[in-house]
Every structure is written in structure tokens, then in C-alpha cells.
Amino acid sequence: MAQQKINLSILSIVLFACTIIFILNLADGTLVTNDQNSESSLLNTPPVEPKDNVNKITAINTQKSKIMLEESDRKNGQMVVMHRPDWKFDVQLITQFEKLKSTAENGNIEANYIIAMNLRYCFNSPTDEIAFEKRLEQAYEFSDSSQAVERITEKYQYCSGIEKKQRNQFYTYLKTAANNEYIAAQEAFGEIPSKFFMESQGYENLEREKFITIRDNFIEQKIKFLEQAAQHGSIKALIRLSTMNRSQRFGENGYVNSFAYNQLILALTQSNETYNRYAWLQQKQRSQLTLDEVDAANSISAQWLEIIKTNGTLYLNGN
């Protein structure tokens, strides 16, 4: 009987030990499984981008989306409104000049346009203190408005340090940008008066025949740039071409061409003021043309409008 009790006690101890071992193995397996699942989860989780990289990626994606939208607009026959860059700085030009000049000379077309516009702006500004004081005296003598003095002072301070020789180079930079089909530069080139061009580039004292040749070549180039800009939807260029042809001093069929350009302005402008002005002008010019000439003008404007729509861009008059 005593031996039987001993055997039962031994059996109980063995069973208890087995139970403990089973429980420990089960817990260990669960921990291993959880660790494996945790590692798998970490491997499958994409790494977190640093904040700066996320911003860069967002900016790139935004730019790509903008380009895709513009391409979509072109494919759908819609005009994409283009914006001209701001060329004037908030600080003195001299502080930006060397960097801007280097960028332009390295082939950046927009930089060529910006430096040209700045040099053109500074062209007639006083180059030294003596010239500045003289200009102020003239302003005080011939104008009682403080605005004139303020404009002279602001321009002198902005342009201070830019030499006359450098200012004369506006034409070279502008022509470079215009030759590379930069629309804003072509518009600006078309606004240069031929007299100012001849004087600023040192051609005013040439013998008559050579003078006329250079001047006429400049006018021809100006018209070419304006036509290129106009066919890319530049309302400024169309207005300039209309005015030049209306004067009857540039080429043949000036009134017909002017009427055609006016039609395009009416079709493209988003300005009520511009529309009203050219609607009135069309009504006035119609009386100066025959029916055949009106038909010819309408044909020209229709052809040009198709070209403009194909190019798919629109440069409004005020931006």
C-alpha cells in the first residue's frame, strides 16, 4: 500500500513537470512567431521620406501635373495663358548684375531677356551725381509735381553703378532672347522706336545710304519678331502690328492688314476696355475698305487664328 502511494506521487510529479515544459514551449513559440511577424511587418512597411524630400517630390509632382494640364489644354484646342517674368528687382541692379550677366552668357534665354529689360530701363537714367543733380533741376523747373522727382530719384538709385557702355548692351541681350523665340523679348524688341535704336547703337551719324539700310533692316527684323509673337497669341504684338500697318508706312495693304489684326485682337482679348476700343476702331476702318478688302482681311485673320490655336498659347496685354 505504501509502495502504491509512492508510485502515484512520482507519477503526479512527472505529469506536473510535463505540463510546465509544454506551457514554456508554447509561450516561446508564440514569442518567436510574434517576433517573425514584427520583422515581416517592418520589411513590408515603406520607409518614411524625410520632410524635405517629401516637399521636393510634391513640388516635382505639382510641376508635372501643371505640364500635363497644359499639354491636355493644347490637345483639347484650349489656349494656355502664359505669363511674362518679372524683370525688375527689389534691390539695386548692381547687386544682381554680375550673376545675371553670367547666367545670360551661359545660354539662359530668360536671363538674357531680364538683363535686357533692366539695361533698357536704366538707359536714360543719370550715370553719376552731377548728371543726377542736373536732371533734378530740370524736373523742378518744368514740373511742379513731386512725382517726377520721385521717379528720377528711384531710377537713379536703382541703376547706380551700371556704366553707360553696359546700358548700351540692352539691344544685344534682347535680340539674343528674341532670336531664340522668347515671346516677351520679341514683344519688347517690337516696341523699340527705330530712332532710339539708331541713336543708342551709335548709328545716327552714318552717311545717308548706310543709315537707311541699317534702319530698314531693323524695322524688318522688328516686324518679323512681332509676327512670330503674334502667332503665339501675343495681344501686345497684334496691337503693335495693327498700329504700324494703320500708319501706312510699313509695307503694302496697311489698312487691310490692320483690319485683320484688329479682328484677332477682338477674338483673343479678355479685356473689356481693349475689346471696346478695337470694336470701335473696326467700325471706323470698315468704311475705309472695299468689300473685297474686308474679305481679304477676314481671310488673313482666319488663317492666323488657326496658327495661333495650333500653337496653343495666349499672352494677354496686361501681364
Protein backbone atom coordinates (compact mmCIF):
# COMPACT_ATOMS: atom_id res chain seq x y z
CA MET A 1 0.00 0.00 0.00
CA ALA A 2 2.81 2.36 0.85
CA GLN A 3 4.57 1.44 -2.38
CA GLN A 4 1.42 2.27 -4.35
CA LYS A 5 1.24 5.75 -2.79
CA ILE A 6 4.90 6.38 -3.69
CA ASN A 7 4.26 5.38 -7.32
CA LEU A 8 1.28 7.76 -7.53
CA SER A 9 3.34 10.62 -6.11
CA ILE A 10 6.10 10.03 -8.66
CA LEU A 11 3.53 9.93 -11.48
CA SER A 12 2.00 13.25 -10.30
CA ILE A 13 5.41 14.91 -10.26
CA VAL A 14 6.16 13.70 -13.82
CA LEU A 15 2.82 14.94 -15.12
CA PHE A 16 3.31 18.34 -13.45
CA ALA A 17 6.80 18.65 -14.95
CA CYS A 18 5.48 17.78 -18.44
CA THR A 19 2.74 20.35 -18.09
CA ILE A 20 5.26 23.06 -17.13
CA ILE A 21 7.53 22.16 -20.09
CA PHE A 22 4.56 22.24 -22.51
CA ILE A 23 3.46 25.66 -21.27
CA LEU A 24 7.01 27.07 -21.59
CA ASN A 25 7.40 25.72 -25.15
CA LEU A 26 4.03 27.13 -26.14
CA ALA A 27 4.93 30.60 -24.82
CA ASP A 28 8.32 30.51 -26.53
CA GLY A 29 6.71 29.59 -29.86
CA THR A 30 4.26 32.44 -29.54
CA LEU A 31 7.11 34.91 -28.91
CA VAL A 32 9.06 33.60 -31.89
CA THR A 33 6.00 33.88 -34.10
CA ASN A 34 5.34 37.45 -32.93
CA ASP A 35 8.95 38.44 -33.50
CA GLN A 36 8.83 36.99 -37.03
CA ASN A 37 5.56 38.78 -37.75
CA SER A 38 7.00 42.02 -36.41
CA GLU A 39 10.11 41.69 -38.60
CA SER A 40 7.96 40.86 -41.64
CA SER A 41 5.81 43.93 -40.93
CA LEU A 42 8.86 46.20 -40.77
CA LEU A 43 10.21 44.80 -44.03
CA ASN A 44 6.91 45.43 -45.80
CA THR A 45 6.45 48.98 -44.48
CA PRO A 46 7.77 51.64 -46.91
CA PRO A 47 10.48 53.87 -45.45
CA VAL A 48 9.35 57.30 -44.28
CA GLU A 49 10.68 60.08 -46.51
CA PRO A 50 12.42 62.96 -44.79
CA LYS A 51 10.25 66.07 -44.76
CA ASP A 52 12.49 67.97 -47.23
CA ASN A 53 12.37 65.10 -49.72
CA VAL A 54 8.60 64.90 -49.43
CA ASN A 55 8.34 68.61 -50.19
CA LYS A 56 10.64 68.24 -53.19
CA ILE A 57 8.67 65.26 -54.50
CA THR A 58 5.41 67.18 -54.00
CA ALA A 59 6.82 70.16 -55.89
CA ILE A 60 8.02 67.93 -58.76
CA ASN A 61 4.67 66.15 -58.96
CA THR A 62 2.86 69.50 -58.93
CA GLN A 63 5.04 70.77 -61.78
CA LYS A 64 4.46 67.55 -63.73
CA SER A 65 0.72 67.89 -63.20
CA LYS A 66 0.85 71.51 -64.42
CA ILE A 67 2.74 70.49 -67.56
CA MET A 68 0.29 67.63 -68.18
CA LEU A 69 -2.66 70.00 -67.79
CA GLU A 70 -1.11 72.48 -70.23
CA GLU A 71 -0.47 69.69 -72.74
CA SER A 72 -4.05 68.50 -72.24
CA ASP A 73 -5.33 72.03 -72.88
CA ARG A 74 -3.36 72.20 -76.12
CA LYS A 75 -4.70 68.83 -77.27
CA ASN A 76 -8.23 69.93 -76.47
CA GLY A 77 -7.80 73.10 -78.51
CA GLN A 78 -7.82 75.37 -75.45
CA MET A 79 -5.46 78.32 -75.14
CA VAL A 80 -2.91 78.27 -72.32
CA VAL A 81 -2.46 81.74 -70.81
CA MET A 82 1.27 82.44 -70.48
CA HIS A 83 2.84 84.88 -68.03
CA ARG A 84 5.84 87.11 -68.61
CA PRO A 85 8.53 87.06 -65.91
CA ASP A 86 9.00 89.99 -63.53
CA TRP A 87 12.30 91.53 -64.59
CA LYS A 88 12.74 94.36 -62.07
CA PHE A 89 14.47 93.60 -58.75
CA ASP A 90 13.58 94.82 -55.27
CA VAL A 91 17.23 95.77 -54.70
CA GLN A 92 19.80 97.77 -56.69
CA LEU A 93 20.51 96.25 -60.08
CA ILE A 94 24.27 96.30 -59.47
CA THR A 95 23.90 93.75 -56.66
CA GLN A 96 22.44 91.21 -59.12
CA PHE A 97 24.17 92.28 -62.30
CA GLU A 98 27.26 90.03 -62.46
CA LYS A 99 25.33 86.89 -61.55
CA LEU A 100 22.60 87.75 -64.05
CA LYS A 101 25.17 88.54 -66.74
CA SER A 102 26.95 85.22 -66.18
CA THR A 103 23.66 83.30 -66.36
CA ALA A 104 22.70 85.08 -69.60
CA GLU A 105 26.08 84.48 -71.22
CA ASN A 106 25.85 80.78 -70.31
CA GLY A 107 22.81 80.50 -72.55
CA ASN A 108 19.84 81.14 -70.27
CA ILE A 109 17.32 82.84 -72.56
CA GLU A 110 15.12 84.24 -69.80
CA ALA A 111 18.20 85.80 -68.17
CA ASN A 112 19.01 87.48 -71.49
CA TYR A 113 15.52 88.98 -71.51
CA ILE A 114 15.70 90.12 -67.88
CA ILE A 115 19.10 91.78 -68.21
CA ALA A 116 17.99 93.46 -71.46
CA MET A 117 14.88 94.92 -69.85
CA ASN A 118 16.88 96.23 -66.90
CA LEU A 119 19.53 97.83 -69.10
CA ARG A 120 16.83 99.35 -71.30
CA TYR A 121 15.12 100.72 -68.19
CA CYS A 122 18.40 102.25 -66.99
CA PHE A 123 19.48 103.58 -70.38
CA ASN A 124 18.41 107.20 -69.88
CA SER A 125 18.97 107.32 -66.13
CA PRO A 126 21.78 109.63 -64.86
CA THR A 127 25.09 107.78 -64.59
CA ASP A 128 26.68 109.99 -61.91
CA GLU A 129 25.84 112.53 -59.21
CA ILE A 130 26.40 115.56 -61.45
CA ALA A 131 24.00 114.28 -64.11
CA PHE A 132 21.51 113.37 -61.40
CA GLU A 133 21.52 116.89 -59.91
CA LYS A 134 21.09 118.39 -63.37
CA ARG A 135 18.12 116.13 -64.08
CA LEU A 136 16.52 117.16 -60.78
CA GLU A 137 16.95 120.85 -61.62
CA GLN A 138 15.14 120.30 -64.92
CA ALA A 139 12.34 118.47 -63.16
CA TYR A 140 11.88 121.26 -60.64
CA GLU A 141 11.93 123.86 -63.42
CA PHE A 142 9.47 122.28 -65.80
CA SER A 143 7.19 120.38 -63.44
CA ASP A 144 5.54 121.25 -60.16
CA SER A 145 4.81 117.59 -59.48
CA SER A 146 6.85 115.75 -56.89
CA GLN A 147 6.14 112.52 -58.78
CA ALA A 148 8.67 113.41 -61.50
CA VAL A 149 11.39 114.00 -58.92
CA GLU A 150 10.47 110.76 -57.16
CA ARG A 151 10.70 108.76 -60.41
CA ILE A 152 14.08 110.25 -61.31
CA THR A 153 15.46 109.57 -57.84
CA GLU A 154 14.12 106.00 -57.73
CA LYS A 155 15.57 105.16 -61.14
CA TYR A 156 18.93 106.76 -60.39
CA GLN A 157 19.29 104.78 -57.15
CA TYR A 158 18.19 101.53 -58.80
CA CYS A 159 20.58 101.91 -61.75
CA SER A 160 23.52 103.40 -59.87
CA GLY A 161 26.80 101.60 -60.66
CA ILE A 162 25.75 100.41 -64.15
CA GLU A 163 28.01 102.12 -66.67
CA LYS A 164 26.82 103.70 -69.90
CA LYS A 165 28.68 101.12 -72.00
CA GLN A 166 26.87 98.34 -70.18
CA ARG A 167 23.50 100.01 -70.68
CA ASN A 168 24.09 100.17 -74.43
CA GLN A 169 24.24 96.37 -74.49
CA PHE A 170 20.50 96.01 -73.87
CA TYR A 171 19.97 95.53 -77.59
CA THR A 172 22.38 92.59 -77.87
CA TYR A 173 20.80 90.72 -74.96
CA LEU A 174 17.27 91.43 -76.18
CA LYS A 175 17.99 90.30 -79.73
CA THR A 176 19.56 87.08 -78.42
CA ALA A 177 16.39 86.24 -76.49
CA ALA A 178 14.15 87.25 -79.39
CA ASN A 179 16.15 85.12 -81.85
CA ASN A 180 15.54 82.18 -79.54
CA GLU A 181 11.77 82.76 -79.86
CA TYR A 182 11.30 84.13 -76.35
CA ILE A 183 7.93 85.81 -76.83
CA ALA A 184 8.32 88.53 -74.17
CA ALA A 185 11.63 89.54 -75.77
CA GLN A 186 10.06 89.65 -79.23
CA GLU A 187 7.33 91.91 -77.89
CA ALA A 188 9.89 94.22 -76.25
CA PHE A 189 12.02 94.30 -79.40
CA GLY A 190 8.96 95.34 -81.38
CA GLU A 191 8.40 98.32 -79.09
CA ILE A 192 11.83 99.88 -79.73
CA PRO A 193 11.47 103.04 -81.88
CA SER A 194 13.79 103.00 -84.87
CA LYS A 195 15.16 106.44 -83.95
CA PHE A 196 16.08 105.25 -80.46
CA PHE A 197 17.72 102.13 -81.91
CA MET A 198 19.90 104.15 -84.29
CA GLU A 199 20.97 106.60 -81.58
CA SER A 200 21.55 104.05 -78.82
CA GLN A 201 23.68 101.84 -81.06
CA GLY A 202 25.75 104.72 -82.44
CA TYR A 203 24.38 104.79 -85.98
CA GLU A 204 22.92 108.32 -86.01
CA ASN A 205 25.90 109.91 -87.82
CA LEU A 206 26.27 107.38 -90.63
CA GLU A 207 26.11 108.52 -94.25
CA ARG A 208 22.55 108.59 -95.52
CA GLU A 209 22.53 105.45 -97.65
CA LYS A 210 24.07 103.26 -94.95
CA PHE A 211 21.87 104.86 -92.32
CA ILE A 212 18.71 103.99 -94.28
CA THR A 213 19.88 100.41 -94.89
CA ILE A 214 20.55 99.71 -91.21
CA ARG A 215 17.32 101.39 -90.13
CA ASP A 216 15.20 99.50 -92.65
CA ASN A 217 16.83 96.19 -91.70
CA PHE A 218 15.99 96.91 -88.07
CA ILE A 219 12.35 97.66 -88.94
CA GLU A 220 12.14 94.47 -90.99
CA GLN A 221 13.54 92.48 -88.09
CA LYS A 222 11.13 94.14 -85.69
CA ILE A 223 8.13 93.21 -87.84
CA LYS A 224 9.37 89.63 -88.13
CA PHE A 225 9.64 89.27 -84.35
CA LEU A 226 6.21 90.85 -83.83
CA GLU A 227 4.62 88.46 -86.32
CA GLN A 228 6.21 85.46 -84.58
CA ALA A 229 5.00 86.67 -81.21
CA ALA A 230 1.52 87.41 -82.58
CA GLN A 231 1.21 83.90 -84.00
CA HIS A 232 1.89 82.58 -80.50
CA GLY A 233 -1.05 84.56 -79.14
CA SER A 234 0.61 87.83 -78.10
CA ILE A 235 -2.03 90.56 -77.97
CA LYS A 236 0.71 93.16 -77.42
CA ALA A 237 2.32 92.13 -80.70
CA LEU A 238 -1.03 92.21 -82.51
CA ILE A 239 -1.73 95.72 -81.21
CA ARG A 240 1.71 96.88 -82.30
CA LEU A 241 1.31 95.36 -85.76
CA SER A 242 -2.12 96.91 -86.14
CA THR A 243 -0.78 100.35 -85.23
CA MET A 244 2.23 100.07 -87.55
CA ASN A 245 0.10 98.98 -90.51
CA ARG A 246 -2.54 101.59 -89.83
CA SER A 247 0.13 104.28 -90.26
CA GLN A 248 0.64 103.08 -93.86
CA ARG A 249 4.40 103.45 -93.51
CA PHE A 250 5.37 99.77 -93.40
CA GLY A 251 4.76 97.61 -96.46
CA GLU A 252 1.67 97.34 -98.64
CA ASN A 253 -2.00 96.86 -97.82
CA GLY A 254 -1.60 98.51 -94.44
CA TYR A 255 -5.31 99.09 -93.81
CA VAL A 256 -6.19 95.52 -94.79
CA ASN A 257 -3.54 94.06 -92.50
CA SER A 258 -4.52 96.39 -89.68
CA PHE A 259 -8.15 95.32 -90.01
CA ALA A 260 -7.08 91.65 -89.89
CA TYR A 261 -5.01 92.18 -86.75
CA ASN A 262 -7.90 94.00 -85.11
CA GLN A 263 -10.14 91.02 -85.77
CA LEU A 264 -7.65 88.77 -84.00
CA ILE A 265 -7.48 91.15 -81.02
CA LEU A 266 -11.27 91.04 -80.74
CA ALA A 267 -11.21 87.23 -80.89
CA LEU A 268 -8.50 86.79 -78.24
CA THR A 269 -8.64 89.63 -75.73
CA GLN A 270 -10.13 89.15 -72.27
CA SER A 271 -10.15 92.88 -71.55
CA ASN A 272 -13.43 94.75 -71.97
CA GLU A 273 -11.52 98.01 -72.46
CA THR A 274 -9.39 96.56 -75.24
CA TYR A 275 -12.40 94.91 -76.87
CA ASN A 276 -14.43 98.12 -76.89
CA ARG A 277 -11.56 100.15 -78.32
CA TYR A 278 -10.89 97.78 -81.21
CA ALA A 279 -14.57 97.18 -81.93
CA TRP A 280 -14.91 100.94 -82.36
CA LEU A 281 -11.75 101.01 -84.47
CA GLN A 282 -13.03 98.20 -86.70
CA GLN A 283 -16.25 100.06 -87.31
CA LYS A 284 -14.29 103.16 -88.26
CA GLN A 285 -11.83 101.31 -90.53
CA ARG A 286 -14.53 99.32 -92.30
CA SER A 287 -15.67 102.47 -94.08
CA GLN A 288 -12.16 102.88 -95.49
CA LEU A 289 -12.09 99.44 -97.11
CA THR A 290 -13.86 97.90 -100.08
CA LEU A 291 -15.85 94.69 -99.70
CA ASP A 292 -13.02 92.75 -101.35
CA GLU A 293 -10.53 94.22 -98.92
CA VAL A 294 -12.73 93.30 -95.96
CA ASP A 295 -12.96 89.74 -97.31
CA ALA A 296 -9.16 89.64 -97.71
CA ALA A 297 -8.68 90.87 -94.14
CA ASN A 298 -11.13 88.29 -92.79
CA SER A 299 -9.26 85.57 -94.69
CA ILE A 300 -5.94 86.67 -93.18
CA SER A 301 -7.34 86.76 -89.64
CA ALA A 302 -8.92 83.30 -90.07
CA GLN A 303 -5.61 81.81 -91.23
CA TRP A 304 -3.70 83.41 -88.39
CA LEU A 305 -6.26 82.32 -85.82
CA GLU A 306 -5.75 78.70 -86.85
CA ILE A 307 -1.98 79.11 -86.44
CA ILE A 308 -2.45 80.69 -83.01
CA LYS A 309 -4.79 77.90 -81.88
CA THR A 310 -2.30 75.30 -83.11
CA ASN A 311 0.49 76.95 -81.11
CA GLY A 312 -1.90 76.94 -78.17
CA THR A 313 -0.58 79.90 -76.16
CA LEU A 314 -2.04 83.26 -75.24
CA TYR A 315 -0.11 86.28 -73.93
CA LEU A 316 -2.60 88.81 -72.60
CA ASN A 317 -1.95 92.53 -72.89
CA GLY A 318 -1.62 93.29 -69.19
CA ASN A 319 0.62 90.58 -67.69
